[in-house]
PDB file of N, CA and C in Angstrom:
ATOM      1  N   MET A   1     217.596 189.299 102.891  1.00  0.00           N
ATOM      2  CA  MET A   1     216.654 188.832 101.885  1.00  0.00           C
ATOM      3  C   MET A   1     216.065 187.489 102.313  1.00  0.00           C
ATOM      4  N   THR A   2     214.771 187.363 102.193  1.00  0.00           N
ATOM      5  CA  THR A   2     214.084 186.143 102.588  1.00  0.00           C
ATOM      6  C   THR A   2     214.099 185.139 101.447  1.00  0.00           C
ATOM      7  N   THR A   3     214.373 183.898 101.772  1.00  0.00           N
ATOM      8  CA  THR A   3     214.356 182.836 100.780  1.00  0.00           C
ATOM      9  C   THR A   3     212.937 182.317 100.633  1.00  0.00           C
ATOM     10  N   VAL A   4     212.477 182.210  99.408  1.00  0.00           N
ATOM     11  CA  VAL A   4     211.141 181.694  99.143  1.00  0.00           C
ATOM     12  C   VAL A   4     211.246 180.200  98.882  1.00  0.00           C
ATOM     13  N   LEU A   5     210.399 179.429  99.529  1.00  0.00           N
ATOM     14  CA  LEU A   5     210.356 177.994  99.306  1.00  0.00           C
ATOM     15  C   LEU A   5     209.251 177.711  98.302  1.00  0.00           C
ATOM     16  N   LYS A   6     209.630 177.176  97.164  1.00  0.00           N
ATOM     17  CA  LYS A   6     208.648 176.863  96.133  1.00  0.00           C
ATOM     18  C   LYS A   6     207.946 175.552  96.489  1.00  0.00           C
ATOM     19  N   PRO A   7     206.617 175.527  96.433  1.00  0.00           N
ATOM     20  CA  PRO A   7     205.901 174.284  96.730  1.00  0.00           C
ATOM     21  C   PRO A   7     206.372 173.112  95.864  1.00  0.00           C
ATOM     22  N   SER A   8     206.760 173.379  94.621  1.00  0.00           N
ATOM     23  CA  SER A   8     207.176 172.296  93.728  1.00  0.00           C
ATOM     24  C   SER A   8     208.408 171.555  94.246  1.00  0.00           C
ATOM     25  N   THR A   9     209.224 172.209  95.081  1.00  0.00           N
ATOM     26  CA  THR A   9     210.411 171.536  95.603  1.00  0.00           C
ATOM     27  C   THR A   9     210.042 170.439  96.608  1.00  0.00           C
ATOM     28  N   LEU A  10     208.818 170.473  97.117  1.00  0.00           N
ATOM     29  CA  LEU A  10     208.370 169.478  98.095  1.00  0.00           C
ATOM     30  C   LEU A  10     207.809 168.218  97.430  1.00  0.00           C
ATOM     31  N   ILE A  11     207.498 168.296  96.148  1.00  0.00           N
ATOM     32  CA  ILE A  11     206.794 167.206  95.477  1.00  0.00           C
ATOM     33  C   ILE A  11     207.591 165.897  95.421  1.00  0.00           C
ATOM     34  N   PRO A  12     208.872 165.914  95.024  1.00  0.00           N
ATOM     35  CA  PRO A  12     209.562 164.623  94.878  1.00  0.00           C
ATOM     36  C   PRO A  12     209.549 163.771  96.149  1.00  0.00           C
ATOM     37  N   GLU A  13     209.729 164.394  97.304  1.00  0.00           N
ATOM     38  CA  GLU A  13     209.794 163.645  98.557  1.00  0.00           C
ATOM     39  C   GLU A  13     208.443 163.587  99.278  1.00  0.00           C
ATOM     40  N   GLY A  14     207.553 164.520  98.964  1.00  0.00           N
ATOM     41  CA  GLY A  14     206.354 164.665  99.773  1.00  0.00           C
ATOM     42  C   GLY A  14     205.057 164.195  99.161  1.00  0.00           C
ATOM     43  N   LEU A  15     205.120 163.658  97.946  1.00  0.00           N
ATOM     44  CA  LEU A  15     203.887 163.290  97.243  1.00  0.00           C
ATOM     45  C   LEU A  15     203.808 161.793  97.054  1.00  0.00           C
ATOM     46  N   GLN A  16     202.605 161.269  97.247  1.00  0.00           N
ATOM     47  CA  GLN A  16     202.346 159.887  96.864  1.00  0.00           C
ATOM     48  C   GLN A  16     201.034 159.849  96.093  1.00  0.00           C
ATOM     49  N   VAL A  17     200.920 158.886  95.222  1.00  0.00           N
ATOM     50  CA  VAL A  17     199.697 158.699  94.445  1.00  0.00           C
ATOM     51  C   VAL A  17     199.017 157.466  95.021  1.00  0.00           C
ATOM     52  N   GLN A  18     197.714 157.592  95.299  1.00  0.00           N
ATOM     53  CA  GLN A  18     196.999 156.504  95.955  1.00  0.00           C
ATOM     54  C   GLN A  18     195.748 156.144  95.160  1.00  0.00           C
ATOM     55  N   GLN A  19     195.525 154.846  94.987  1.00  0.00           N
ATOM     56  CA  GLN A  19     194.306 154.355  94.345  1.00  0.00           C
ATOM     57  C   GLN A  19     193.225 154.212  95.409  1.00  0.00           C
ATOM     58  N   ILE A  20     192.110 154.880  95.218  1.00  0.00           N
ATOM     59  CA  ILE A  20     190.970 154.728  96.108  1.00  0.00           C
ATOM     60  C   ILE A  20     189.780 154.406  95.209  1.00  0.00           C
ATOM     61  N   ASN A  21     189.272 153.191  95.350  1.00  0.00           N
ATOM     62  CA  ASN A  21     188.262 152.667  94.431  1.00  0.00           C
ATOM     63  C   ASN A  21     188.818 152.776  93.016  1.00  0.00           C
ATOM     64  N   ASN A  22     188.138 153.493  92.126  1.00  0.00           N
ATOM     65  CA  ASN A  22     188.640 153.611  90.751  1.00  0.00           C
ATOM     66  C   ASN A  22     189.334 154.953  90.529  1.00  0.00           C
ATOM     67  N   LEU A  23     189.638 155.655  91.594  1.00  0.00           N
ATOM     68  CA  LEU A  23     190.242 156.979  91.465  1.00  0.00           C
ATOM     69  C   LEU A  23     191.725 156.946  91.834  1.00  0.00           C
ATOM     70  N   THR A  24     192.505 157.738  91.145  1.00  0.00           N
ATOM     71  CA  THR A  24     193.910 157.932  91.477  1.00  0.00           C
ATOM     72  C   THR A  24     194.033 159.329  92.079  1.00  0.00           C
ATOM     73  N   LEU A  25     194.371 159.395  93.354  1.00  0.00           N
ATOM     74  CA  LEU A  25     194.405 160.675  94.065  1.00  0.00           C
ATOM     75  C   LEU A  25     195.815 160.980  94.560  1.00  0.00           C
ATOM     76  N   PHE A  26     196.084 162.271  94.698  1.00  0.00           N
ATOM     77  CA  PHE A  26     197.373 162.746  95.190  1.00  0.00           C
ATOM     78  C   PHE A  26     197.278 162.977  96.693  1.00  0.00           C
ATOM     79  N   LYS A  27     198.267 162.472  97.417  1.00  0.00           N
ATOM     80  CA  LYS A  27     198.303 162.655  98.870  1.00  0.00           C
ATOM     81  C   LYS A  27     199.712 162.985  99.299  1.00  0.00           C
ATOM     82  N   PHE A  28     199.819 163.615 100.477  1.00  0.00           N
ATOM     83  CA  PHE A  28     201.129 163.826 101.087  1.00  0.00           C
ATOM     84  C   PHE A  28     201.642 162.490 101.612  1.00  0.00           C
ATOM     85  N   THR A  29     202.954 162.329 101.605  1.00  0.00           N
ATOM     86  CA  THR A  29     203.536 161.198 102.307  1.00  0.00           C
ATOM     87  C   THR A  29     203.309 161.415 103.804  1.00  0.00           C
ATOM     88  N   ASN A  30     203.445 160.353 104.567  1.00  0.00           N
ATOM     89  CA  ASN A  30     203.302 160.478 106.025  1.00  0.00           C
ATOM     90  C   ASN A  30     204.279 161.503 106.576  1.00  0.00           C
ATOM     91  N   GLU A  31     205.503 161.499 106.026  1.00  0.00           N
ATOM     92  CA  GLU A  31     206.529 162.410 106.515  1.00  0.00           C
ATOM     93  C   GLU A  31     206.126 163.873 106.315  1.00  0.00           C
ATOM     94  N   LEU A  32     205.620 164.199 105.118  1.00  0.00           N
ATOM     95  CA  LEU A  32     205.241 165.589 104.862  1.00  0.00           C
ATOM     96  C   LEU A  32     203.995 165.960 105.662  1.00  0.00           C
ATOM     97  N   GLY A  33     203.068 165.032 105.804  1.00  0.00           N
ATOM     98  CA  GLY A  33     201.887 165.284 106.628  1.00  0.00           C
ATOM     99  C   GLY A  33     202.258 165.553 108.076  1.00  0.00           C
ATOM    100  N   GLU A  34     203.208 164.758 108.594  1.00  0.00           N
ATOM    101  CA  GLU A  34     203.667 164.956 109.969  1.00  0.00           C
ATOM    102  C   GLU A  34     204.410 166.280 110.116  1.00  0.00           C
ATOM    103  N   ARG A  35     205.199 166.637 109.098  1.00  0.00           N
ATOM    104  CA  ARG A  35     205.925 167.910 109.142  1.00  0.00           C
ATOM    105  C   ARG A  35     204.943 169.079 109.170  1.00  0.00           C
ATOM    106  N   MET A  36     203.888 168.982 108.349  1.00  0.00           N
ATOM    107  CA  MET A  36     202.878 170.047 108.328  1.00  0.00           C
ATOM    108  C   MET A  36     202.228 170.175 109.706  1.00  0.00           C
ATOM    109  N   GLN A  37     201.906 169.039 110.333  1.00  0.00           N
ATOM    110  CA  GLN A  37     201.277 169.083 111.655  1.00  0.00           C
ATOM    111  C   GLN A  37     202.213 169.682 112.695  1.00  0.00           C
ATOM    112  N   THR A  38     203.499 169.325 112.624  1.00  0.00           N
ATOM    113  CA  THR A  38     204.491 169.886 113.548  1.00  0.00           C
ATOM    114  C   THR A  38     204.554 171.409 113.413  1.00  0.00           C
ATOM    115  N   LEU A  39     204.590 171.868 112.157  1.00  0.00           N
ATOM    116  CA  LEU A  39     204.660 173.311 111.920  1.00  0.00           C
ATOM    117  C   LEU A  39     203.381 174.009 112.382  1.00  0.00           C
ATOM    118  N   LEU A  40     202.221 173.375 112.159  1.00  0.00           N
ATOM    119  CA  LEU A  40     200.949 173.962 112.627  1.00  0.00           C
ATOM    120  C   LEU A  40     200.935 174.062 114.155  1.00  0.00           C
ATOM    121  N   ASP A  41     201.449 173.028 114.823  1.00  0.00           N
ATOM    122  CA  ASP A  41     201.509 173.051 116.292  1.00  0.00           C
ATOM    123  C   ASP A  41     202.426 174.171 116.775  1.00  0.00           C
ATOM    124  N   LYS A  42     203.568 174.337 116.101  1.00  0.00           N
ATOM    125  CA  LYS A  42     204.495 175.407 116.482  1.00  0.00           C
ATOM    126  C   LYS A  42     203.871 176.780 116.226  1.00  0.00           C
ATOM    127  N   LYS A  43     203.082 176.886 115.158  1.00  0.00           N
ATOM    128  CA  LYS A  43     202.416 178.161 114.864  1.00  0.00           C
ATOM    129  C   LYS A  43     201.410 178.493 115.964  1.00  0.00           C
ATOM    130  N   LYS A  44     200.632 177.476 116.389  1.00  0.00           N
ATOM    131  CA  LYS A  44     199.666 177.684 117.470  1.00  0.00           C
ATOM    132  C   LYS A  44     200.356 178.130 118.751  1.00  0.00           C
ATOM    133  N   ALA A  45     201.563 177.594 118.984  1.00  0.00           N
ATOM    134  CA  ALA A  45     202.319 177.943 120.187  1.00  0.00           C
ATOM    135  C   ALA A  45     203.115 179.232 119.991  1.00  0.00           C
ATOM    136  N   ASP A  46     202.960 179.861 118.837  1.00  0.00           N
ATOM    137  CA  ASP A  46     203.680 181.089 118.495  1.00  0.00           C
ATOM    138  C   ASP A  46     205.191 180.882 118.592  1.00  0.00           C
ATOM    139  N   ASP A  47     205.634 179.735 118.079  1.00  0.00           N
ATOM    140  CA  ASP A  47     207.046 179.362 118.163  1.00  0.00           C
ATOM    141  C   ASP A  47     207.616 179.014 116.781  1.00  0.00           C
ATOM    142  N   LEU A  48     207.094 179.660 115.745  1.00  0.00           N
ATOM    143  CA  LEU A  48     207.486 179.373 114.368  1.00  0.00           C
ATOM    144  C   LEU A  48     208.567 180.356 113.928  1.00  0.00           C
ATOM    145  N   SER A  49     209.678 179.825 113.431  1.00  0.00           N
ATOM    146  CA  SER A  49     210.732 180.701 112.905  1.00  0.00           C
ATOM    147  C   SER A  49     210.297 181.235 111.541  1.00  0.00           C
ATOM    148  N   PRO A  50     210.932 182.304 111.051  1.00  0.00           N
ATOM    149  CA  PRO A  50     210.581 182.812 109.712  1.00  0.00           C
ATOM    150  C   PRO A  50     210.734 181.751 108.616  1.00  0.00           C
ATOM    151  N   ASP A  51     211.786 180.934 108.686  1.00  0.00           N
ATOM    152  CA  ASP A  51     211.971 179.867 107.692  1.00  0.00           C
ATOM    153  C   ASP A  51     210.866 178.827 107.785  1.00  0.00           C
ATOM    154  N   GLU A  52     210.478 178.489 109.012  1.00  0.00           N
ATOM    155  CA  GLU A  52     209.403 177.513 109.198  1.00  0.00           C
ATOM    156  C   GLU A  52     208.067 178.075 108.712  1.00  0.00           C
ATOM    157  N   ALA A  53     207.863 179.370 108.894  1.00  0.00           N
ATOM    158  CA  ALA A  53     206.637 180.000 108.400  1.00  0.00           C
ATOM    159  C   ALA A  53     206.560 179.895 106.881  1.00  0.00           C
ATOM    160  N   LEU A  54     207.687 180.101 106.207  1.00  0.00           N
ATOM    161  CA  LEU A  54     207.725 179.959 104.751  1.00  0.00           C
ATOM    162  C   LEU A  54     207.481 178.514 104.333  1.00  0.00           C
ATOM    163  N   GLU A  55     208.060 177.588 105.078  1.00  0.00           N
ATOM    164  CA  GLU A  55     207.862 176.165 104.780  1.00  0.00           C
ATOM    165  C   GLU A  55     206.391 175.786 104.942  1.00  0.00           C
ATOM    166  N   LEU A  56     205.771 176.258 106.023  1.00  0.00           N
ATOM    167  CA  LEU A  56     204.356 175.965 106.260  1.00  0.00           C
ATOM    168  C   LEU A  56     203.491 176.561 105.156  1.00  0.00           C
ATOM    169  N   GLU A  57     203.820 177.760 104.722  1.00  0.00           N
ATOM    170  CA  GLU A  57     203.072 178.397 103.639  1.00  0.00           C
ATOM    171  C   GLU A  57     203.175 177.573 102.356  1.00  0.00           C
ATOM    172  N   ALA A  58     204.370 177.079 102.049  1.00  0.00           N
ATOM    173  CA  ALA A  58     204.570 176.270 100.838  1.00  0.00           C
ATOM    174  C   ALA A  58     203.807 174.954 100.922  1.00  0.00           C
ATOM    175  N   ILE A  59     203.867 174.299 102.083  1.00  0.00           N
ATOM    176  CA  ILE A  59     203.141 173.043 102.256  1.00  0.00           C
ATOM    177  C   ILE A  59     201.642 173.290 102.157  1.00  0.00           C
ATOM    178  N   GLY A  60     201.172 174.380 102.759  1.00  0.00           N
ATOM    179  CA  GLY A  60     199.750 174.716 102.693  1.00  0.00           C
ATOM    180  C   GLY A  60     199.282 174.974 101.271  1.00  0.00           C
ATOM    181  N   GLU A  61     200.125 175.641 100.486  1.00  0.00           N
ATOM    182  CA  GLU A  61     199.782 175.909  99.095  1.00  0.00           C
ATOM    183  C   GLU A  61     199.700 174.604  98.307  1.00  0.00           C
ATOM    184  N   LEU A  62     200.642 173.705  98.547  1.00  0.00           N
ATOM    185  CA  LEU A  62     200.632 172.406  97.893  1.00  0.00           C
ATOM    186  C   LEU A  62     199.388 171.618  98.301  1.00  0.00           C
ATOM    187  N   ASP A  63     199.001 171.708  99.559  1.00  0.00           N
ATOM    188  CA  ASP A  63     197.803 171.034 100.057  1.00  0.00           C
ATOM    189  C   ASP A  63     196.557 171.547  99.328  1.00  0.00           C
ATOM    190  N   GLU A  64     196.479 172.858  99.135  1.00  0.00           N
ATOM    191  CA  GLU A  64     195.342 173.431  98.407  1.00  0.00           C
ATOM    192  C   GLU A  64     195.296 172.939  96.959  1.00  0.00           C
ATOM    193  N   ILE A  65     196.463 172.886  96.320  1.00  0.00           N
ATOM    194  CA  ILE A  65     196.534 172.425  94.926  1.00  0.00           C
ATOM    195  C   ILE A  65     196.063 170.974  94.832  1.00  0.00           C
ATOM    196  N   PHE A  66     196.592 170.106  95.717  1.00  0.00           N
ATOM    197  CA  PHE A  66     196.210 168.696  95.684  1.00  0.00           C
ATOM    198  C   PHE A  66     194.737 168.518  96.005  1.00  0.00           C
ATOM    199  N   SER A  67     194.223 169.278  96.944  1.00  0.00           N
ATOM    200  CA  SER A  67     192.802 169.177  97.292  1.00  0.00           C
ATOM    201  C   SER A  67     191.926 169.526  96.094  1.00  0.00           C
ATOM    202  N   TYR A  68     192.307 170.572  95.368  1.00  0.00           N
ATOM    203  CA  TYR A  68     191.551 170.975  94.186  1.00  0.00           C
ATOM    204  C   TYR A  68     191.606 169.889  93.107  1.00  0.00           C
ATOM    205  N   ILE A  69     192.815 169.403  92.821  1.00  0.00           N
ATOM    206  CA  ILE A  69     192.967 168.372  91.791  1.00  0.00           C
ATOM    207  C   ILE A  69     192.174 167.125  92.178  1.00  0.00           C
ATOM    208  N   ASN A  70     192.262 166.709  93.436  1.00  0.00           N
ATOM    209  CA  ASN A  70     191.545 165.521  93.889  1.00  0.00           C
ATOM    210  C   ASN A  70     190.036 165.713  93.792  1.00  0.00           C
ATOM    211  N   ALA A  71     189.553 166.922  94.075  1.00  0.00           N
ATOM    212  CA  ALA A  71     188.117 167.194  93.965  1.00  0.00           C
ATOM    213  C   ALA A  71     187.652 167.077  92.512  1.00  0.00           C
ATOM    214  N   VAL A  72     188.457 167.582  91.592  1.00  0.00           N
ATOM    215  CA  VAL A  72     188.128 167.478  90.168  1.00  0.00           C
ATOM    216  C   VAL A  72     188.125 166.013  89.736  1.00  0.00           C
ATOM    217  N   ILE A  73     189.148 165.270  90.145  1.00  0.00           N
ATOM    218  CA  ILE A  73     189.230 163.844  89.796  1.00  0.00           C
ATOM    219  C   ILE A  73     188.027 163.095  90.364  1.00  0.00           C
ATOM    220  N   ALA A  74     187.687 163.367  91.616  1.00  0.00           N
ATOM    221  CA  ALA A  74     186.562 162.683  92.258  1.00  0.00           C
ATOM    222  C   ALA A  74     185.253 163.004  91.565  1.00  0.00           C
ATOM    223  N   ALA A  75     185.061 164.274  91.207  1.00  0.00           N
ATOM    224  CA  ALA A  75     183.828 164.678  90.515  1.00  0.00           C
ATOM    225  C   ALA A  75     183.708 163.973  89.172  1.00  0.00           C
ATOM    226  N   ARG A  76     184.810 163.898  88.434  1.00  0.00           N
ATOM    227  CA  ARG A  76     184.785 163.212  87.139  1.00  0.00           C
ATOM    228  C   ARG A  76     184.583 161.723  87.303  1.00  0.00           C
ATOM    229  N   GLY A  77     185.137 161.160  88.386  1.00  0.00           N
ATOM    230  CA  GLY A  77     184.999 159.745  88.651  1.00  0.00           C
ATOM    231  C   GLY A  77     183.573 159.359  88.986  1.00  0.00           C
ATOM    232  N   GLN A  78     182.791 160.324  89.444  1.00  0.00           N
ATOM    233  CA  GLN A  78     181.379 160.069  89.772  1.00  0.00           C
ATOM    234  C   GLN A  78     180.474 160.397  88.600  1.00  0.00           C
ATOM    235  N   GLY A  79     181.085 160.718  87.460  1.00  0.00           N
ATOM    236  CA  GLY A  79     180.289 160.990  86.266  1.00  0.00           C
ATOM    237  C   GLY A  79     179.914 162.441  86.089  1.00  0.00           C
ATOM    238  N   HIS A  80     180.452 163.328  86.925  1.00  0.00           N
ATOM    239  CA  HIS A  80     180.197 164.760  86.782  1.00  0.00           C
ATOM    240  C   HIS A  80     181.426 165.397  86.187  1.00  0.00           C
ATOM    241  N   SER A  81     181.314 166.013  85.026  1.00  0.00           N
ATOM    242  CA  SER A  81     182.488 166.642  84.424  1.00  0.00           C
ATOM    243  C   SER A  81     182.427 168.140  84.526  1.00  0.00           C
TER     244      SER A  81
END
């Protein structure tokens, strides 16, 4: 049976909130960003284990969520709701 890694389990250690101008945006910590890059490099080299593939999928999903939230925040911050 394959273990599923929930993206929410990455949030406590992998999330930081950053002020940019008047906006509060969500970003990965350097550590999680570096981990994602390491996993992407291993994927390109076709050297990703099944567990690492699940981890990369979870990090990627979290990245999509944060990107969406940040886009909404940025749009509202520019006066577009």
